[in-house]
């Protein structure tokens, strides 16, 4: 059985099929099917699958996807379009505030935390969207804008704004917070 898993682990997500992707995603989310991250990813994968269907059946499943997409976007605050190319075993750590551009690509084994934006830096609905390599970790509140390539094994820290390419294995962090002044609380005058 382990050999079967290893044989499929190197195949792209388009090859292994919808149910196999859902299984991998469920394992990556520690078997918690009720988490918003897993549900949003399952809906996105269903939408990508539905886009390939033609005829009356295709029209029906695309309508079902649209309803599920709107629910996930409005209820969980996670907006991942069916057009987005997502690799295998993506982990969406927390809900709310996640927006991913339709033209973005995400590699295998990546992690996205809450309030992450992968978007276009200038105009909406262009093809200028971020491309994440494999094993990329994106911290809470991070924003990656434009035609930016983030290399494999890179880490984007919390609240970082990324507008240029990030080399493989790099760590990007926003400036650390500083304490500007300490004030003592004084007792009221009598």
N, C-alpha and C. Protein backbone atom coordinates (compact mmCIF):
# COMPACT_ATOMS: atom_id res chain seq x y z
N UNK A 1 0.82 -1.19 0.00
CA UNK A 1 0.00 0.00 0.00
C UNK A 1 0.86 1.26 0.00
N UNK A 2 1.95 1.23 0.76
CA UNK A 2 2.83 2.39 0.79
C UNK A 2 3.42 2.67 -0.57
N UNK A 3 3.71 1.61 -1.33
CA UNK A 3 4.25 1.80 -2.66
C UNK A 3 3.29 2.51 -3.57
N UNK A 4 1.98 2.23 -3.39
CA UNK A 4 0.97 2.91 -4.21
C UNK A 4 0.93 4.39 -3.91
N UNK A 5 1.04 4.76 -2.65
CA UNK A 5 1.07 6.17 -2.29
C UNK A 5 2.29 6.86 -2.86
N UNK A 6 3.44 6.20 -2.79
CA UNK A 6 4.66 6.81 -3.31
C UNK A 6 4.60 6.97 -4.82
N UNK A 7 3.95 6.02 -5.49
CA UNK A 7 3.87 6.10 -6.94
C UNK A 7 3.03 7.30 -7.38
N UNK A 8 1.98 7.62 -6.63
CA UNK A 8 1.14 8.74 -7.03
C UNK A 8 1.62 10.07 -6.49
N UNK A 9 2.53 10.07 -5.53
CA UNK A 9 2.93 11.33 -4.90
C UNK A 9 3.69 12.24 -5.85
N UNK A 10 4.27 11.70 -6.92
CA UNK A 10 5.01 12.55 -7.84
C UNK A 10 4.16 12.99 -9.03
N UNK A 11 2.93 12.49 -9.13
CA UNK A 11 2.07 12.87 -10.24
C UNK A 11 1.42 14.22 -9.97
N UNK A 12 1.21 15.02 -11.03
CA UNK A 12 0.54 16.31 -10.83
C UNK A 12 -0.92 16.11 -10.43
N UNK A 13 -1.50 17.14 -9.82
CA UNK A 13 -2.87 17.04 -9.31
C UNK A 13 -3.89 16.78 -10.41
N UNK A 14 -3.62 17.19 -11.64
CA UNK A 14 -4.56 16.99 -12.73
C UNK A 14 -4.68 15.53 -13.12
N UNK A 15 -3.69 14.70 -12.75
CA UNK A 15 -3.64 13.32 -13.21
C UNK A 15 -4.33 12.36 -12.24
N UNK A 16 -4.28 12.59 -10.96
CA UNK A 16 -4.70 11.56 -10.01
C UNK A 16 -6.20 11.51 -9.76
N UNK A 17 -6.95 12.52 -10.10
CA UNK A 17 -8.40 12.48 -9.96
C UNK A 17 -8.91 13.20 -8.73
N UNK A 18 -10.17 13.56 -8.80
CA UNK A 18 -10.81 14.37 -7.76
C UNK A 18 -10.86 13.66 -6.41
N UNK A 19 -11.31 12.43 -6.38
CA UNK A 19 -11.47 11.73 -5.10
C UNK A 19 -10.11 11.50 -4.43
N UNK A 20 -9.09 11.16 -5.21
CA UNK A 20 -7.75 10.98 -4.65
C UNK A 20 -7.21 12.29 -4.07
N UNK A 21 -7.47 13.40 -4.75
CA UNK A 21 -7.04 14.71 -4.22
C UNK A 21 -7.76 15.01 -2.92
N UNK A 22 -9.07 14.76 -2.86
CA UNK A 22 -9.82 14.99 -1.62
C UNK A 22 -9.25 14.16 -0.48
N UNK A 23 -8.90 12.90 -0.76
CA UNK A 23 -8.33 12.04 0.29
C UNK A 23 -7.02 12.61 0.81
N UNK A 24 -6.13 13.01 -0.10
CA UNK A 24 -4.86 13.60 0.32
C UNK A 24 -5.07 14.88 1.12
N UNK A 25 -5.99 15.72 0.66
CA UNK A 25 -6.27 16.97 1.36
C UNK A 25 -6.83 16.70 2.75
N UNK A 26 -7.67 15.69 2.87
CA UNK A 26 -8.25 15.34 4.16
C UNK A 26 -7.16 14.86 5.13
N UNK A 27 -6.24 14.06 4.65
CA UNK A 27 -5.11 13.62 5.48
C UNK A 27 -4.28 14.82 5.91
N UNK A 28 -4.02 15.74 4.98
CA UNK A 28 -3.23 16.94 5.27
C UNK A 28 -3.92 17.82 6.32
N UNK A 29 -5.26 17.80 6.34
CA UNK A 29 -6.02 18.56 7.34
C UNK A 29 -6.34 17.69 8.57
N UNK A 30 -5.52 16.66 8.77
CA UNK A 30 -5.59 15.75 9.93
C UNK A 30 -6.94 15.07 10.08
N UNK A 31 -7.56 14.77 8.98
CA UNK A 31 -8.82 14.04 9.00
C UNK A 31 -10.02 14.86 9.41
N UNK A 32 -9.84 16.14 9.58
CA UNK A 32 -10.95 17.01 10.02
C UNK A 32 -11.66 17.58 8.80
N UNK A 33 -12.67 16.85 8.33
CA UNK A 33 -13.40 17.25 7.13
C UNK A 33 -14.24 18.50 7.37
N UNK A 34 -14.54 18.81 8.64
CA UNK A 34 -15.40 19.96 8.93
C UNK A 34 -14.66 21.28 9.00
N UNK A 35 -13.34 21.27 8.85
CA UNK A 35 -12.61 22.53 8.92
C UNK A 35 -12.89 23.37 7.68
N UNK A 36 -13.02 24.68 7.85
CA UNK A 36 -13.29 25.56 6.70
C UNK A 36 -12.23 25.45 5.61
N UNK A 37 -10.97 25.29 6.00
CA UNK A 37 -9.91 25.19 5.00
C UNK A 37 -10.08 23.99 4.10
N UNK A 38 -10.38 22.83 4.70
CA UNK A 38 -10.59 21.63 3.89
C UNK A 38 -11.82 21.79 3.01
N UNK A 39 -12.90 22.33 3.56
CA UNK A 39 -14.12 22.48 2.78
C UNK A 39 -13.93 23.45 1.61
N UNK A 40 -13.22 24.55 1.84
CA UNK A 40 -12.95 25.50 0.76
C UNK A 40 -12.11 24.85 -0.34
N UNK A 41 -11.12 24.09 0.07
CA UNK A 41 -10.26 23.41 -0.91
C UNK A 41 -11.04 22.34 -1.67
N UNK A 42 -11.91 21.62 -0.98
CA UNK A 42 -12.74 20.60 -1.64
C UNK A 42 -13.66 21.24 -2.67
N UNK A 43 -14.23 22.39 -2.35
CA UNK A 43 -15.10 23.09 -3.30
C UNK A 43 -14.29 23.58 -4.50
N UNK A 44 -13.09 24.10 -4.25
CA UNK A 44 -12.26 24.55 -5.37
C UNK A 44 -11.90 23.39 -6.28
N UNK A 45 -11.53 22.27 -5.71
CA UNK A 45 -11.16 21.11 -6.53
C UNK A 45 -12.38 20.59 -7.31
N UNK A 46 -13.54 20.62 -6.68
CA UNK A 46 -14.78 20.24 -7.38
C UNK A 46 -15.03 21.19 -8.55
N UNK A 47 -14.81 22.48 -8.34
CA UNK A 47 -15.00 23.46 -9.40
C UNK A 47 -14.04 23.25 -10.57
N UNK A 48 -12.78 22.94 -10.25
CA UNK A 48 -11.80 22.67 -11.31
C UNK A 48 -12.21 21.42 -12.10
N UNK A 49 -12.70 20.41 -11.40
CA UNK A 49 -13.19 19.20 -12.05
C UNK A 49 -14.42 19.51 -12.91
N UNK A 50 -15.34 20.33 -12.37
CA UNK A 50 -16.58 20.66 -13.08
C UNK A 50 -16.30 21.44 -14.35
N UNK A 51 -15.27 22.24 -14.37
CA UNK A 51 -14.93 23.04 -15.56
C UNK A 51 -14.61 22.16 -16.75
N UNK A 52 -14.15 20.94 -16.50
CA UNK A 52 -13.78 20.03 -17.59
C UNK A 52 -14.98 19.27 -18.15
N UNK A 53 -16.14 19.37 -17.52
CA UNK A 53 -17.33 18.63 -17.94
C UNK A 53 -18.11 19.43 -18.97
N UNK A 54 -18.63 18.74 -19.96
CA UNK A 54 -19.42 19.39 -20.99
C UNK A 54 -20.87 18.95 -20.93
N UNK A 55 -21.67 19.51 -21.81
CA UNK A 55 -23.06 19.12 -21.94
C UNK A 55 -23.92 19.54 -20.77
N UNK A 56 -25.08 18.89 -20.66
CA UNK A 56 -26.03 19.21 -19.59
C UNK A 56 -25.45 18.87 -18.23
N UNK A 57 -24.74 17.74 -18.12
CA UNK A 57 -24.13 17.36 -16.85
C UNK A 57 -23.12 18.43 -16.40
N UNK A 58 -22.32 18.91 -17.32
CA UNK A 58 -21.34 19.94 -16.99
C UNK A 58 -21.99 21.22 -16.52
N UNK A 59 -23.06 21.60 -17.18
CA UNK A 59 -23.77 22.81 -16.79
C UNK A 59 -24.33 22.68 -15.37
N UNK A 60 -24.88 21.50 -15.05
CA UNK A 60 -25.45 21.26 -13.73
C UNK A 60 -24.37 21.29 -12.64
N UNK A 61 -23.24 20.60 -12.86
CA UNK A 61 -22.21 20.57 -11.82
C UNK A 61 -21.54 21.94 -11.66
N UNK A 62 -21.46 22.72 -12.73
CA UNK A 62 -20.90 24.07 -12.60
C UNK A 62 -21.83 24.97 -11.79
N UNK A 63 -23.13 24.78 -11.93
CA UNK A 63 -24.08 25.55 -11.11
C UNK A 63 -23.99 25.14 -9.64
N UNK A 64 -23.84 23.86 -9.41
CA UNK A 64 -23.67 23.38 -8.03
C UNK A 64 -22.40 23.99 -7.44
N UNK A 65 -21.31 23.98 -8.23
CA UNK A 65 -20.07 24.57 -7.75
C UNK A 65 -20.24 26.04 -7.43
N UNK A 66 -20.93 26.77 -8.29
CA UNK A 66 -21.12 28.21 -8.07
C UNK A 66 -21.82 28.46 -6.74
N UNK A 67 -22.85 27.68 -6.43
CA UNK A 67 -23.55 27.83 -5.16
C UNK A 67 -22.63 27.51 -3.98
N UNK A 68 -21.84 26.45 -4.10
CA UNK A 68 -20.90 26.09 -3.04
C UNK A 68 -19.82 27.15 -2.87
N UNK A 69 -19.32 27.68 -4.00
CA UNK A 69 -18.30 28.73 -3.96
C UNK A 69 -18.81 29.96 -3.21
N UNK A 70 -20.03 30.39 -3.53
CA UNK A 70 -20.61 31.56 -2.87
C UNK A 70 -20.78 31.29 -1.38
N UNK A 71 -21.22 30.10 -1.01
CA UNK A 71 -21.36 29.76 0.41
C UNK A 71 -20.02 29.83 1.13
N UNK A 72 -19.00 29.19 0.57
CA UNK A 72 -17.67 29.18 1.21
C UNK A 72 -17.11 30.60 1.31
N UNK A 73 -17.26 31.38 0.25
CA UNK A 73 -16.75 32.75 0.26
C UNK A 73 -17.46 33.60 1.32
N UNK A 74 -18.78 33.51 1.38
CA UNK A 74 -19.54 34.36 2.29
C UNK A 74 -19.54 33.86 3.73
N UNK A 75 -19.54 32.56 3.93
CA UNK A 75 -19.63 32.01 5.27
C UNK A 75 -18.26 31.87 5.93
N UNK A 76 -17.27 31.37 5.17
CA UNK A 76 -15.93 31.15 5.73
C UNK A 76 -14.95 32.27 5.42
N UNK A 77 -15.26 33.12 4.45
CA UNK A 77 -14.33 34.18 4.08
C UNK A 77 -13.12 33.68 3.34
N UNK A 78 -13.28 32.59 2.58
CA UNK A 78 -12.19 32.01 1.79
C UNK A 78 -12.63 32.02 0.33
N UNK A 79 -11.88 32.75 -0.50
CA UNK A 79 -12.24 32.88 -1.92
C UNK A 79 -11.14 32.27 -2.78
N UNK A 80 -11.42 31.06 -3.27
CA UNK A 80 -10.49 30.37 -4.15
C UNK A 80 -11.27 29.98 -5.40
N UNK A 81 -10.91 30.57 -6.52
CA UNK A 81 -11.62 30.33 -7.78
C UNK A 81 -11.26 28.97 -8.36
N UNK A 82 -12.18 28.43 -9.14
CA UNK A 82 -11.96 27.14 -9.79
C UNK A 82 -10.80 27.20 -10.78
N UNK A 83 -10.52 28.39 -11.31
CA UNK A 83 -9.44 28.54 -12.29
C UNK A 83 -8.05 28.47 -11.66
N UNK A 84 -7.96 28.70 -10.38
CA UNK A 84 -6.67 28.68 -9.69
C UNK A 84 -6.07 27.29 -9.78
N UNK A 85 -4.79 27.22 -10.13
CA UNK A 85 -4.10 25.93 -10.22
C UNK A 85 -3.44 25.65 -8.88
N UNK A 86 -3.93 24.59 -8.23
CA UNK A 86 -3.44 24.23 -6.90
C UNK A 86 -2.84 22.84 -6.96
N UNK A 87 -1.62 22.73 -6.42
CA UNK A 87 -0.95 21.44 -6.36
C UNK A 87 -1.58 20.54 -5.31
N UNK A 88 -0.86 19.54 -4.93
CA UNK A 88 -1.38 18.54 -4.01
C UNK A 88 -1.08 18.90 -2.56
N UNK A 89 -2.00 18.48 -1.69
CA UNK A 89 -1.84 18.56 -0.23
C UNK A 89 -1.67 19.99 0.30
N UNK A 90 -2.45 20.92 -0.21
CA UNK A 90 -2.43 22.28 0.33
C UNK A 90 -3.09 22.27 1.71
N UNK A 91 -2.51 22.96 2.65
CA UNK A 91 -3.10 23.10 3.98
C UNK A 91 -3.52 24.55 4.17
N UNK A 92 -4.81 24.76 4.41
CA UNK A 92 -5.32 26.09 4.74
C UNK A 92 -5.56 26.06 6.24
N UNK A 93 -4.67 26.75 6.97
CA UNK A 93 -4.62 26.61 8.42
C UNK A 93 -5.78 27.19 9.18
N UNK A 94 -6.31 28.30 8.76
CA UNK A 94 -7.40 28.95 9.48
C UNK A 94 -8.33 29.60 8.47
N UNK A 95 -9.52 29.94 8.92
CA UNK A 95 -10.47 30.55 8.00
C UNK A 95 -10.40 32.06 8.04
N UNK A 96 -11.10 32.67 7.13
CA UNK A 96 -11.36 34.10 7.00
C UNK A 96 -10.21 34.86 6.35
N UNK A 97 -10.63 35.71 5.43
CA UNK A 97 -9.73 36.66 4.82
C UNK A 97 -8.78 36.09 3.79
N UNK A 98 -9.01 34.89 3.29
CA UNK A 98 -8.11 34.31 2.30
C UNK A 98 -8.69 34.59 0.91
N UNK A 99 -7.89 35.27 0.08
CA UNK A 99 -8.30 35.59 -1.28
C UNK A 99 -7.18 35.16 -2.21
N UNK A 100 -7.54 34.32 -3.18
CA UNK A 100 -6.55 33.82 -4.13
C UNK A 100 -7.02 34.14 -5.54
N UNK A 101 -6.18 34.83 -6.28
CA UNK A 101 -6.47 35.26 -7.65
C UNK A 101 -6.72 34.04 -8.54
N UNK A 102 -7.65 34.15 -9.50
CA UNK A 102 -7.93 33.02 -10.40
C UNK A 102 -6.72 32.54 -11.20
N UNK A 103 -5.78 33.43 -11.51
CA UNK A 103 -4.62 33.04 -12.31
C UNK A 103 -3.43 32.60 -11.46
N UNK A 104 -3.58 32.58 -10.15
CA UNK A 104 -2.47 32.17 -9.27
C UNK A 104 -2.23 30.67 -9.39
N UNK A 105 -0.98 30.28 -9.09
CA UNK A 105 -0.65 28.86 -9.01
C UNK A 105 0.01 28.60 -7.66
N UNK A 106 -0.31 27.44 -7.10
CA UNK A 106 0.22 27.04 -5.80
C UNK A 106 0.78 25.63 -5.96
N UNK A 107 2.02 25.44 -5.54
CA UNK A 107 2.67 24.14 -5.68
C UNK A 107 2.20 23.12 -4.65
N UNK A 108 2.89 22.00 -4.59
CA UNK A 108 2.55 20.91 -3.68
C UNK A 108 2.99 21.23 -2.25
N UNK A 109 2.24 20.71 -1.29
CA UNK A 109 2.58 20.74 0.14
C UNK A 109 2.79 22.15 0.69
N UNK A 110 2.00 23.10 0.24
CA UNK A 110 2.09 24.48 0.73
C UNK A 110 1.15 24.67 1.92
N UNK A 111 1.40 25.74 2.69
CA UNK A 111 0.57 26.09 3.84
C UNK A 111 0.18 27.55 3.72
N UNK A 112 -1.12 27.83 3.84
CA UNK A 112 -1.63 29.20 3.87
C UNK A 112 -2.33 29.42 5.19
N UNK A 113 -2.04 30.52 5.86
CA UNK A 113 -2.72 30.87 7.10
C UNK A 113 -3.79 31.92 6.82
N UNK A 114 -4.48 32.38 7.85
CA UNK A 114 -5.60 33.30 7.66
C UNK A 114 -5.12 34.67 7.18
N UNK A 115 -6.05 35.38 6.52
CA UNK A 115 -5.83 36.72 5.97
C UNK A 115 -4.73 36.79 4.93
N UNK A 116 -4.54 35.73 4.17
CA UNK A 116 -3.54 35.71 3.10
C UNK A 116 -4.19 36.16 1.80
N UNK A 117 -3.49 37.02 1.06
CA UNK A 117 -3.95 37.45 -0.25
C UNK A 117 -2.88 37.11 -1.28
N UNK A 118 -3.28 36.38 -2.32
CA UNK A 118 -2.45 36.15 -3.49
C UNK A 118 -3.18 36.84 -4.62
N UNK A 119 -2.72 38.04 -4.98
CA UNK A 119 -3.51 38.82 -5.92
C UNK A 119 -2.71 39.58 -6.94
N UNK A 120 -3.44 40.34 -7.74
CA UNK A 120 -2.87 41.18 -8.78
C UNK A 120 -2.54 42.53 -8.16
N UNK A 121 -1.36 43.02 -8.42
CA UNK A 121 -0.96 44.28 -7.83
C UNK A 121 -1.55 45.51 -8.46
N UNK A 122 -2.00 45.42 -9.71
CA UNK A 122 -2.46 46.62 -10.41
C UNK A 122 -3.96 46.57 -10.71
N UNK A 123 -4.38 45.62 -11.50
CA UNK A 123 -5.78 45.54 -11.91
C UNK A 123 -6.30 44.14 -11.65
N UNK A 124 -7.57 44.06 -11.31
CA UNK A 124 -8.17 42.76 -11.08
C UNK A 124 -8.48 42.08 -12.41
N UNK A 125 -8.45 40.79 -12.43
CA UNK A 125 -8.74 39.94 -13.58
C UNK A 125 -7.71 40.06 -14.68
N UNK A 126 -6.47 40.20 -14.32
CA UNK A 126 -5.40 40.07 -15.30
C UNK A 126 -4.68 38.78 -14.99
N UNK A 127 -3.74 38.42 -15.83
CA UNK A 127 -2.99 37.18 -15.61
C UNK A 127 -1.76 37.39 -14.74
N UNK A 128 -1.60 38.59 -14.21
CA UNK A 128 -0.45 38.87 -13.36
C UNK A 128 -0.76 38.45 -11.93
N UNK A 129 -0.48 37.20 -11.61
CA UNK A 129 -0.81 36.66 -10.30
C UNK A 129 0.40 35.90 -9.75
N UNK A 130 0.46 35.73 -8.44
CA UNK A 130 1.59 35.03 -7.82
C UNK A 130 1.65 33.55 -8.19
N UNK A 131 2.87 33.04 -8.14
CA UNK A 131 3.14 31.63 -8.40
C UNK A 131 3.99 31.11 -7.23
N UNK A 132 3.41 30.21 -6.44
CA UNK A 132 4.13 29.64 -5.31
C UNK A 132 4.72 28.30 -5.70
N UNK A 133 5.97 28.08 -5.34
CA UNK A 133 6.61 26.79 -5.58
C UNK A 133 6.11 25.74 -4.59
N UNK A 134 6.83 24.64 -4.49
CA UNK A 134 6.48 23.57 -3.57
C UNK A 134 6.97 23.88 -2.16
N UNK A 135 6.24 23.42 -1.16
CA UNK A 135 6.61 23.53 0.26
C UNK A 135 6.74 24.99 0.73
N UNK A 136 5.95 25.87 0.17
CA UNK A 136 5.97 27.28 0.57
C UNK A 136 5.01 27.46 1.74
N UNK A 137 5.45 28.21 2.76
CA UNK A 137 4.62 28.50 3.93
C UNK A 137 4.35 30.00 3.95
N UNK A 138 3.07 30.36 4.00
CA UNK A 138 2.68 31.76 3.99
C UNK A 138 1.99 32.08 5.31
N UNK A 139 2.55 33.02 6.07
CA UNK A 139 2.07 33.36 7.39
C UNK A 139 0.82 34.21 7.37
N UNK A 140 0.19 34.38 8.54
CA UNK A 140 -1.05 35.16 8.64
C UNK A 140 -0.85 36.60 8.19
N UNK A 141 -1.81 37.10 7.43
CA UNK A 141 -1.79 38.49 7.01
C UNK A 141 -0.85 38.81 5.87
N UNK A 142 -0.16 37.82 5.33
CA UNK A 142 0.79 38.08 4.24
C UNK A 142 0.04 38.41 2.96
N UNK A 143 0.64 39.30 2.17
CA UNK A 143 0.06 39.72 0.89
C UNK A 143 1.14 39.55 -0.17
N UNK A 144 0.82 38.78 -1.19
CA UNK A 144 1.74 38.57 -2.31
C UNK A 144 1.03 39.07 -3.55
N UNK A 145 1.60 40.11 -4.19
CA UNK A 145 0.92 40.80 -5.28
C UNK A 145 1.72 40.78 -6.56
N UNK A 146 1.02 40.61 -7.67
CA UNK A 146 1.61 40.71 -8.99
C UNK A 146 2.20 39.40 -9.48
N UNK A 147 2.91 39.49 -10.58
CA UNK A 147 3.54 38.33 -11.20
C UNK A 147 4.82 37.98 -10.44
N UNK A 148 4.62 37.48 -9.23
CA UNK A 148 5.73 37.18 -8.32
C UNK A 148 5.92 35.67 -8.26
N UNK A 149 7.16 35.23 -8.35
CA UNK A 149 7.49 33.82 -8.23
C UNK A 149 8.15 33.59 -6.87
N UNK A 150 7.54 32.73 -6.07
CA UNK A 150 8.08 32.37 -4.76
C UNK A 150 8.67 30.98 -4.90
N UNK A 151 9.98 30.86 -4.67
CA UNK A 151 10.68 29.60 -4.87
C UNK A 151 10.30 28.52 -3.88
N UNK A 152 10.67 27.29 -4.21
CA UNK A 152 10.42 26.15 -3.34
C UNK A 152 11.01 26.37 -1.95
N UNK A 153 10.33 25.86 -0.94
CA UNK A 153 10.77 25.88 0.46
C UNK A 153 10.92 27.29 1.04
N UNK A 154 10.34 28.29 0.40
CA UNK A 154 10.40 29.66 0.94
C UNK A 154 9.36 29.82 2.04
N UNK A 155 9.62 30.77 2.94
CA UNK A 155 8.68 31.10 4.00
C UNK A 155 8.38 32.59 3.94
N UNK A 156 7.10 32.90 3.93
CA UNK A 156 6.65 34.29 3.95
C UNK A 156 6.06 34.52 5.33
N UNK A 157 6.64 35.42 6.08
CA UNK A 157 6.22 35.65 7.46
C UNK A 157 4.93 36.42 7.59
N UNK A 158 4.46 36.57 8.82
CA UNK A 158 3.21 37.28 9.07
C UNK A 158 3.28 38.73 8.61
N UNK A 159 2.20 39.19 8.00
CA UNK A 159 2.02 40.57 7.56
C UNK A 159 3.06 41.06 6.56
N UNK A 160 3.76 40.17 5.91
CA UNK A 160 4.74 40.57 4.91
C UNK A 160 4.03 40.98 3.62
N UNK A 161 4.55 42.00 2.97
CA UNK A 161 4.07 42.43 1.67
C UNK A 161 5.14 42.06 0.65
N UNK A 162 4.81 41.15 -0.27
CA UNK A 162 5.78 40.65 -1.24
C UNK A 162 5.36 41.11 -2.63
N UNK A 163 6.25 41.89 -3.27
CA UNK A 163 5.98 42.38 -4.63
C UNK A 163 7.11 42.06 -5.59
N UNK A 164 8.13 41.35 -5.12
CA UNK A 164 9.23 40.92 -5.97
C UNK A 164 9.45 39.42 -5.78
N UNK A 165 10.15 38.82 -6.71
CA UNK A 165 10.41 37.38 -6.64
C UNK A 165 11.16 37.02 -5.36
N UNK A 166 10.86 35.82 -4.85
CA UNK A 166 11.50 35.32 -3.64
C UNK A 166 12.28 34.07 -4.03
N UNK A 167 13.60 34.03 -3.77
CA UNK A 167 14.39 32.87 -4.18
C UNK A 167 14.04 31.62 -3.36
N UNK A 168 14.42 30.51 -3.90
CA UNK A 168 14.19 29.22 -3.25
C UNK A 168 14.82 29.20 -1.85
N UNK A 169 14.08 28.74 -0.87
CA UNK A 169 14.58 28.60 0.49
C UNK A 169 14.68 29.89 1.29
N UNK A 170 14.26 31.01 0.72
CA UNK A 170 14.38 32.30 1.42
C UNK A 170 13.30 32.43 2.49
N UNK A 171 13.59 33.31 3.46
CA UNK A 171 12.63 33.63 4.50
C UNK A 171 12.38 35.13 4.42
N UNK A 172 11.10 35.52 4.29
CA UNK A 172 10.73 36.92 4.16
C UNK A 172 9.88 37.30 5.37
N UNK A 173 10.33 38.30 6.12
CA UNK A 173 9.58 38.77 7.27
C UNK A 173 9.45 40.28 7.23
N UNK A 174 8.33 40.75 7.73
CA UNK A 174 8.11 42.19 7.90
C UNK A 174 8.98 42.63 9.07
N UNK A 175 9.24 43.92 9.16
CA UNK A 175 10.04 44.43 10.28
C UNK A 175 9.39 44.02 11.59
N UNK A 176 10.20 43.65 12.57
CA UNK A 176 9.60 43.29 13.86
C UNK A 176 9.03 44.53 14.57
N UNK A 177 8.06 44.28 15.42
CA UNK A 177 7.48 45.39 16.17
C UNK A 177 8.49 45.94 17.15
N UNK A 178 8.32 47.22 17.47
CA UNK A 178 9.22 47.88 18.43
C UNK A 178 8.38 48.51 19.52
N UNK A 179 8.90 48.54 20.71
CA UNK A 179 8.26 49.28 21.79
C UNK A 179 8.88 50.67 21.78
N UNK A 180 8.06 51.65 21.53
CA UNK A 180 8.58 53.01 21.39
C UNK A 180 8.76 53.69 22.74
N UNK A 181 7.83 53.47 23.65
CA UNK A 181 7.92 54.17 24.93
C UNK A 181 7.17 53.37 25.98
N UNK A 182 7.78 53.26 27.13
CA UNK A 182 7.11 52.64 28.27
C UNK A 182 6.60 53.75 29.17
N UNK A 183 5.39 53.62 29.59
CA UNK A 183 4.86 54.61 30.52
C UNK A 183 4.47 53.92 31.81
N UNK A 184 4.73 54.60 32.90
CA UNK A 184 4.33 54.07 34.20
C UNK A 184 2.98 54.62 34.54
N UNK A 185 2.17 53.75 35.10
CA UNK A 185 0.88 54.22 35.59
C UNK A 185 1.15 54.85 36.97
N UNK A 186 0.68 56.05 37.11
CA UNK A 186 0.88 56.73 38.40
C UNK A 186 -0.39 56.73 39.18
N UNK A 187 -0.24 56.78 40.47
CA UNK A 187 -1.42 56.82 41.35
C UNK A 187 -2.06 58.20 41.23
N UNK A 188 -3.37 58.26 41.28
CA UNK A 188 -4.03 59.56 41.18
C UNK A 188 -3.65 60.46 42.35
N UNK A 189 -3.54 61.73 42.07
CA UNK A 189 -3.16 62.70 43.10
C UNK A 189 -4.31 62.86 44.08
N UNK A 190 -3.95 62.99 45.35
CA UNK A 190 -4.99 63.18 46.38
C UNK A 190 -5.22 64.62 46.68
